[in-house]
């Protein structure tokens, strides 16, 4: 899918933030994060629930594959 920007740059930005000792959540300072969130919100409205609203409730992590780090299991239910 063409987001109008390169998602690999976001991944690279997260890696750079971590390398510099900053939390990956500082990624939200980039416009691309908000563009991606807006695009995903539209996709969710079309495919999951037309009444779904974007609430900006997200975070950013860096999971190091060399350390075998992994994310959480699904843990949020409504």
N, C-alpha and C. Protein backbone atom coordinates (compact mmCIF):
# COMPACT_ATOMS: atom_id res chain seq x y z
N UNK A 1 0.85 -1.17 0.00
CA UNK A 1 0.00 0.00 0.00
C UNK A 1 0.90 1.24 0.00
N UNK A 2 0.51 2.25 -0.77
CA UNK A 2 1.27 3.49 -0.84
C UNK A 2 0.72 4.47 0.19
N UNK A 3 1.50 4.74 1.24
CA UNK A 3 1.09 5.65 2.31
C UNK A 3 1.47 7.08 1.99
N UNK A 4 2.21 7.29 0.90
CA UNK A 4 2.69 8.62 0.57
C UNK A 4 4.03 8.92 1.22
N UNK A 5 4.60 7.94 1.91
CA UNK A 5 5.93 8.06 2.51
C UNK A 5 6.45 6.65 2.74
N UNK A 6 7.69 6.54 3.08
CA UNK A 6 8.33 5.23 3.29
C UNK A 6 8.22 4.80 4.75
N UNK A 7 7.49 3.71 5.00
CA UNK A 7 7.35 3.23 6.37
C UNK A 7 8.68 2.75 6.94
N UNK A 8 9.60 2.34 6.07
CA UNK A 8 10.91 1.91 6.56
C UNK A 8 11.65 3.06 7.24
N UNK A 9 11.33 4.29 6.84
CA UNK A 9 11.96 5.45 7.49
C UNK A 9 11.49 5.58 8.94
N UNK A 10 10.24 5.22 9.19
CA UNK A 10 9.76 5.24 10.57
C UNK A 10 10.50 4.20 11.41
N UNK A 11 10.69 3.02 10.85
CA UNK A 11 11.43 1.97 11.57
C UNK A 11 12.86 2.43 11.82
N UNK A 12 13.47 3.05 10.84
CA UNK A 12 14.83 3.56 11.00
C UNK A 12 14.88 4.66 12.06
N UNK A 13 13.87 5.51 12.08
CA UNK A 13 13.81 6.58 13.08
C UNK A 13 13.71 6.00 14.49
N UNK A 14 12.92 4.94 14.66
CA UNK A 14 12.81 4.29 15.97
C UNK A 14 14.16 3.72 16.39
N UNK A 15 14.85 3.07 15.47
CA UNK A 15 16.16 2.50 15.79
C UNK A 15 17.15 3.61 16.16
N UNK A 16 17.09 4.73 15.46
CA UNK A 16 17.98 5.86 15.76
C UNK A 16 17.66 6.45 17.13
N UNK A 17 16.38 6.61 17.44
CA UNK A 17 16.01 7.13 18.75
C UNK A 17 16.56 6.23 19.86
N UNK A 18 16.40 4.93 19.69
CA UNK A 18 16.89 4.00 20.71
C UNK A 18 18.41 4.08 20.83
N UNK A 19 19.08 4.15 19.68
CA UNK A 19 20.55 4.23 19.68
C UNK A 19 21.04 5.47 20.43
N UNK A 20 20.27 6.56 20.33
CA UNK A 20 20.64 7.80 21.00
C UNK A 20 20.17 7.87 22.45
N UNK A 21 19.50 6.80 22.91
CA UNK A 21 19.04 6.75 24.29
C UNK A 21 17.68 7.39 24.53
N UNK A 22 16.97 7.69 23.46
CA UNK A 22 15.64 8.30 23.57
C UNK A 22 14.58 7.21 23.48
N UNK A 23 13.44 7.43 24.10
CA UNK A 23 12.33 6.50 24.00
C UNK A 23 11.78 6.49 22.57
N UNK A 24 11.45 5.31 22.04
CA UNK A 24 10.87 5.25 20.70
C UNK A 24 9.56 6.03 20.55
N UNK A 25 8.89 6.32 21.65
CA UNK A 25 7.62 7.04 21.56
C UNK A 25 7.83 8.46 21.00
N UNK A 26 9.05 8.99 21.03
CA UNK A 26 9.30 10.30 20.43
C UNK A 26 9.06 10.28 18.93
N UNK A 27 8.81 9.12 18.38
CA UNK A 27 8.47 9.00 16.97
C UNK A 27 7.24 9.84 16.62
N UNK A 28 6.39 10.08 17.62
CA UNK A 28 5.16 10.84 17.36
C UNK A 28 5.45 12.29 16.96
N UNK A 29 6.69 12.70 17.00
CA UNK A 29 7.05 14.05 16.57
C UNK A 29 7.11 14.16 15.04
N UNK A 30 7.07 13.02 14.36
CA UNK A 30 7.13 13.01 12.90
C UNK A 30 5.73 13.02 12.31
N UNK A 31 5.52 13.82 11.27
CA UNK A 31 4.22 13.89 10.60
C UNK A 31 3.78 12.54 10.07
N UNK A 32 4.73 11.73 9.62
CA UNK A 32 4.39 10.44 9.03
C UNK A 32 3.60 9.54 9.98
N UNK A 33 3.88 9.64 11.26
CA UNK A 33 3.14 8.84 12.24
C UNK A 33 1.65 9.19 12.20
N UNK A 34 1.36 10.47 12.15
CA UNK A 34 -0.03 10.93 12.16
C UNK A 34 -0.72 10.66 10.82
N UNK A 35 0.05 10.73 9.74
CA UNK A 35 -0.50 10.38 8.42
C UNK A 35 -0.86 8.90 8.42
N UNK A 36 0.05 8.06 8.91
CA UNK A 36 -0.22 6.62 8.99
C UNK A 36 -1.43 6.34 9.86
N UNK A 37 -1.52 6.99 11.00
CA UNK A 37 -2.66 6.79 11.90
C UNK A 37 -3.96 7.19 11.23
N UNK A 38 -3.95 8.28 10.51
CA UNK A 38 -5.15 8.73 9.80
C UNK A 38 -5.56 7.73 8.72
N UNK A 39 -4.59 7.23 7.97
CA UNK A 39 -4.87 6.23 6.94
C UNK A 39 -5.45 4.96 7.55
N UNK A 40 -4.83 4.50 8.64
CA UNK A 40 -5.30 3.29 9.30
C UNK A 40 -6.70 3.48 9.86
N UNK A 41 -6.99 4.66 10.37
CA UNK A 41 -8.31 4.95 10.90
C UNK A 41 -9.36 4.80 9.80
N UNK A 42 -9.07 5.33 8.62
CA UNK A 42 -9.98 5.19 7.49
C UNK A 42 -10.18 3.74 7.07
N UNK A 43 -9.10 2.98 7.09
CA UNK A 43 -9.18 1.55 6.73
C UNK A 43 -10.04 0.82 7.75
N UNK A 44 -9.84 1.09 9.03
CA UNK A 44 -10.64 0.43 10.07
C UNK A 44 -12.12 0.78 9.95
N UNK A 45 -12.40 2.04 9.62
CA UNK A 45 -13.81 2.44 9.45
C UNK A 45 -14.46 1.69 8.29
N UNK A 46 -13.70 1.51 7.22
CA UNK A 46 -14.26 0.82 6.05
C UNK A 46 -14.37 -0.69 6.26
N UNK A 47 -13.45 -1.28 7.01
CA UNK A 47 -13.39 -2.74 7.08
C UNK A 47 -13.88 -3.33 8.40
N UNK A 48 -13.83 -2.56 9.48
CA UNK A 48 -14.17 -3.11 10.78
C UNK A 48 -15.47 -2.52 11.32
N UNK A 49 -15.51 -1.20 11.45
CA UNK A 49 -16.68 -0.55 12.05
C UNK A 49 -16.76 0.89 11.55
N UNK A 50 -17.80 1.24 10.80
CA UNK A 50 -17.91 2.59 10.25
C UNK A 50 -18.02 3.68 11.32
N UNK A 51 -18.33 3.31 12.55
CA UNK A 51 -18.46 4.30 13.63
C UNK A 51 -17.18 4.46 14.44
N UNK A 52 -16.14 3.75 14.05
CA UNK A 52 -14.89 3.76 14.79
C UNK A 52 -14.23 5.14 14.70
N UNK A 53 -13.81 5.69 15.83
CA UNK A 53 -13.13 6.97 15.88
C UNK A 53 -11.67 6.78 16.25
N UNK A 54 -10.82 7.61 15.72
CA UNK A 54 -9.40 7.61 16.04
C UNK A 54 -9.20 8.35 17.36
N UNK A 55 -8.54 7.71 18.32
CA UNK A 55 -8.35 8.35 19.62
C UNK A 55 -6.88 8.61 19.98
N UNK A 56 -5.99 8.39 19.03
CA UNK A 56 -4.55 8.63 19.23
C UNK A 56 -3.99 7.83 20.40
N UNK A 57 -4.56 6.70 20.69
CA UNK A 57 -4.12 5.85 21.78
C UNK A 57 -3.17 4.79 21.23
N UNK A 58 -1.93 5.20 21.01
CA UNK A 58 -0.94 4.26 20.52
C UNK A 58 0.42 4.64 21.07
N UNK A 59 1.39 3.76 20.87
CA UNK A 59 2.72 3.92 21.43
C UNK A 59 3.72 3.41 20.40
N UNK A 60 4.98 3.53 20.68
CA UNK A 60 6.02 3.01 19.79
C UNK A 60 7.04 2.24 20.61
N UNK A 61 7.47 1.11 20.09
CA UNK A 61 8.48 0.29 20.75
C UNK A 61 9.57 -0.07 19.76
N UNK A 62 10.69 -0.45 20.29
CA UNK A 62 11.75 -1.04 19.50
C UNK A 62 11.96 -2.43 20.06
N UNK A 63 11.70 -3.45 19.25
CA UNK A 63 11.89 -4.84 19.66
C UNK A 63 13.11 -5.37 18.93
N UNK A 64 14.16 -5.65 19.67
CA UNK A 64 15.42 -6.08 19.09
C UNK A 64 15.37 -7.57 18.77
N UNK A 65 15.38 -7.92 17.48
CA UNK A 65 15.31 -9.33 17.11
C UNK A 65 16.55 -10.11 17.56
N UNK A 66 17.68 -9.42 17.70
CA UNK A 66 18.90 -10.11 18.16
C UNK A 66 18.78 -10.51 19.63
N UNK A 67 17.94 -9.80 20.38
CA UNK A 67 17.71 -10.11 21.79
C UNK A 67 16.47 -10.99 21.96
N UNK A 68 15.88 -11.39 20.83
CA UNK A 68 14.65 -12.19 20.82
C UNK A 68 13.53 -11.52 21.60
N UNK A 69 13.50 -10.18 21.55
CA UNK A 69 12.41 -9.44 22.19
C UNK A 69 11.16 -9.59 21.34
N UNK A 70 10.02 -9.63 21.99
CA UNK A 70 8.76 -9.71 21.26
C UNK A 70 7.69 -8.91 21.99
N UNK A 71 6.66 -8.59 21.26
CA UNK A 71 5.58 -7.80 21.84
C UNK A 71 4.68 -8.62 22.73
N UNK A 72 3.65 -7.97 23.22
CA UNK A 72 2.70 -8.63 24.10
C UNK A 72 1.67 -9.42 23.30
N UNK A 73 1.08 -10.36 23.98
CA UNK A 73 -0.09 -11.03 23.41
C UNK A 73 -1.24 -10.01 23.41
N UNK A 74 -2.29 -10.28 22.65
CA UNK A 74 -3.47 -9.41 22.68
C UNK A 74 -3.94 -9.29 24.11
N UNK A 75 -4.15 -8.05 24.59
CA UNK A 75 -4.47 -7.87 26.00
C UNK A 75 -5.54 -6.81 26.23
N UNK A 76 -6.16 -6.35 25.18
CA UNK A 76 -7.14 -5.28 25.33
C UNK A 76 -8.46 -5.71 24.71
N UNK A 77 -9.47 -5.71 25.48
CA UNK A 77 -10.77 -6.16 24.99
C UNK A 77 -11.82 -5.12 25.33
N UNK A 78 -12.89 -5.11 24.58
CA UNK A 78 -14.02 -4.23 24.88
C UNK A 78 -15.25 -5.06 25.10
